[in-house]
Amino acid sequence: MLTRATASFPATSARALCVLAAAASSPACRVFVANVPFGCSEADLGVAMEQRFGPVSGLQLAPDRTAGPPTHRGFGNVQFA
């Protein structure tokens, strides 16, 4: 599951990773995350973020209420501890 989660994320620029790493290093920081693949669950995203940036205290993907099976809209928020 871990390799699927990290492999399914689109390539991001070095600048975006630097901004996210700086934001994640500050205490109790909340970061908006976009372009999340639809096949990725909250658990997959949490594992990938913890692996790359540090402990995650909260995570929420925006639900898509119009789709039949439960899914998300491709964006959400991640809160770091």
Protein backbone atom coordinates (compact mmCIF):
# COMPACT_ATOMS: atom_id res chain seq x y z
CA MET A 1 0.00 0.00 0.00
CA LEU A 2 2.82 2.43 0.80
CA THR A 3 4.53 2.06 -2.58
CA ARG A 4 1.21 2.53 -4.36
CA ALA A 5 0.53 5.74 -2.45
CA THR A 6 3.90 7.33 -3.14
CA ALA A 7 4.04 6.15 -6.75
CA SER A 8 0.59 7.45 -7.62
CA PHE A 9 1.29 11.10 -6.74
CA PRO A 10 2.07 13.33 -9.72
CA ALA A 11 5.56 14.78 -9.98
CA THR A 12 5.89 18.07 -8.13
CA SER A 13 8.38 20.84 -8.58
CA ALA A 14 11.32 21.31 -6.25
CA ARG A 15 9.97 24.72 -5.24
CA ALA A 16 6.61 23.26 -4.17
CA LEU A 17 8.38 20.60 -2.10
CA CYS A 18 10.55 23.26 -0.42
CA VAL A 19 7.48 25.34 0.47
CA LEU A 20 5.67 22.29 1.85
CA ALA A 21 8.73 21.15 3.82
CA ALA A 22 9.14 24.62 5.36
CA ALA A 23 5.46 24.79 6.26
CA ALA A 24 5.45 21.29 7.71
CA SER A 25 8.40 22.09 9.96
CA SER A 26 6.49 24.82 11.83
CA PRO A 27 4.44 23.63 14.82
CA ALA A 28 0.76 22.82 14.25
CA CYS A 29 0.82 23.85 10.61
CA ARG A 30 -2.13 23.21 8.28
CA VAL A 31 -1.39 22.84 4.57
CA PHE A 32 -3.78 22.77 1.59
CA VAL A 33 -3.06 19.84 -0.74
CA ALA A 34 -4.30 19.72 -4.34
CA ASN A 35 -4.07 17.29 -7.26
CA VAL A 36 -4.59 14.25 -5.05
CA PRO A 37 -5.22 11.21 -7.28
CA PHE A 38 -8.78 9.93 -7.01
CA GLY A 39 -7.53 6.41 -6.26
CA CYS A 40 -5.69 7.66 -3.16
CA SER A 41 -7.38 7.31 0.22
CA GLU A 42 -6.90 9.51 3.30
CA ALA A 43 -4.80 6.73 4.84
CA ASP A 44 -2.54 6.56 1.76
CA LEU A 45 -2.06 10.33 1.75
CA GLY A 46 -1.33 10.38 5.48
CA VAL A 47 1.34 7.69 5.16
CA ALA A 48 2.98 9.47 2.21
CA MET A 49 3.00 12.84 4.01
CA GLU A 50 4.38 11.36 7.23
CA GLN A 51 7.08 9.55 5.32
CA ARG A 52 8.20 12.68 3.51
CA PHE A 53 7.49 15.59 5.89
CA GLY A 54 6.93 14.31 9.44
CA PRO A 55 4.10 13.43 11.82
CA VAL A 56 0.56 14.21 10.69
CA SER A 57 -2.02 15.06 13.36
CA GLY A 58 -5.02 15.45 11.06
CA LEU A 59 -6.05 14.96 7.47
CA GLN A 60 -9.25 15.60 5.56
CA LEU A 61 -10.00 15.19 1.86
CA ALA A 62 -13.01 17.10 0.49
CA PRO A 63 -15.77 14.53 -0.14
CA ASP A 64 -17.52 14.27 -3.48
CA ARG A 65 -21.18 13.90 -2.64
CA THR A 66 -22.36 13.60 -6.24
CA ALA A 67 -20.51 10.36 -7.01
CA GLY A 68 -22.07 6.98 -6.25
CA PRO A 69 -19.31 5.27 -4.24
CA PRO A 70 -17.58 7.35 -1.54
CA THR A 71 -14.73 9.32 -3.09
CA HIS A 72 -13.03 12.70 -2.75
CA ARG A 73 -12.74 15.78 -4.96
CA GLY A 74 -8.94 15.74 -5.36
CA PHE A 75 -7.98 18.23 -2.66
CA GLY A 76 -7.93 18.59 1.11
CA ASN A 77 -5.99 19.72 4.17
CA VAL A 78 -3.16 18.11 6.09
CA GLN A 79 -2.30 19.22 9.62
CA PHE A 80 1.16 18.46 10.94
CA ALA A 81 1.90 17.86 14.61
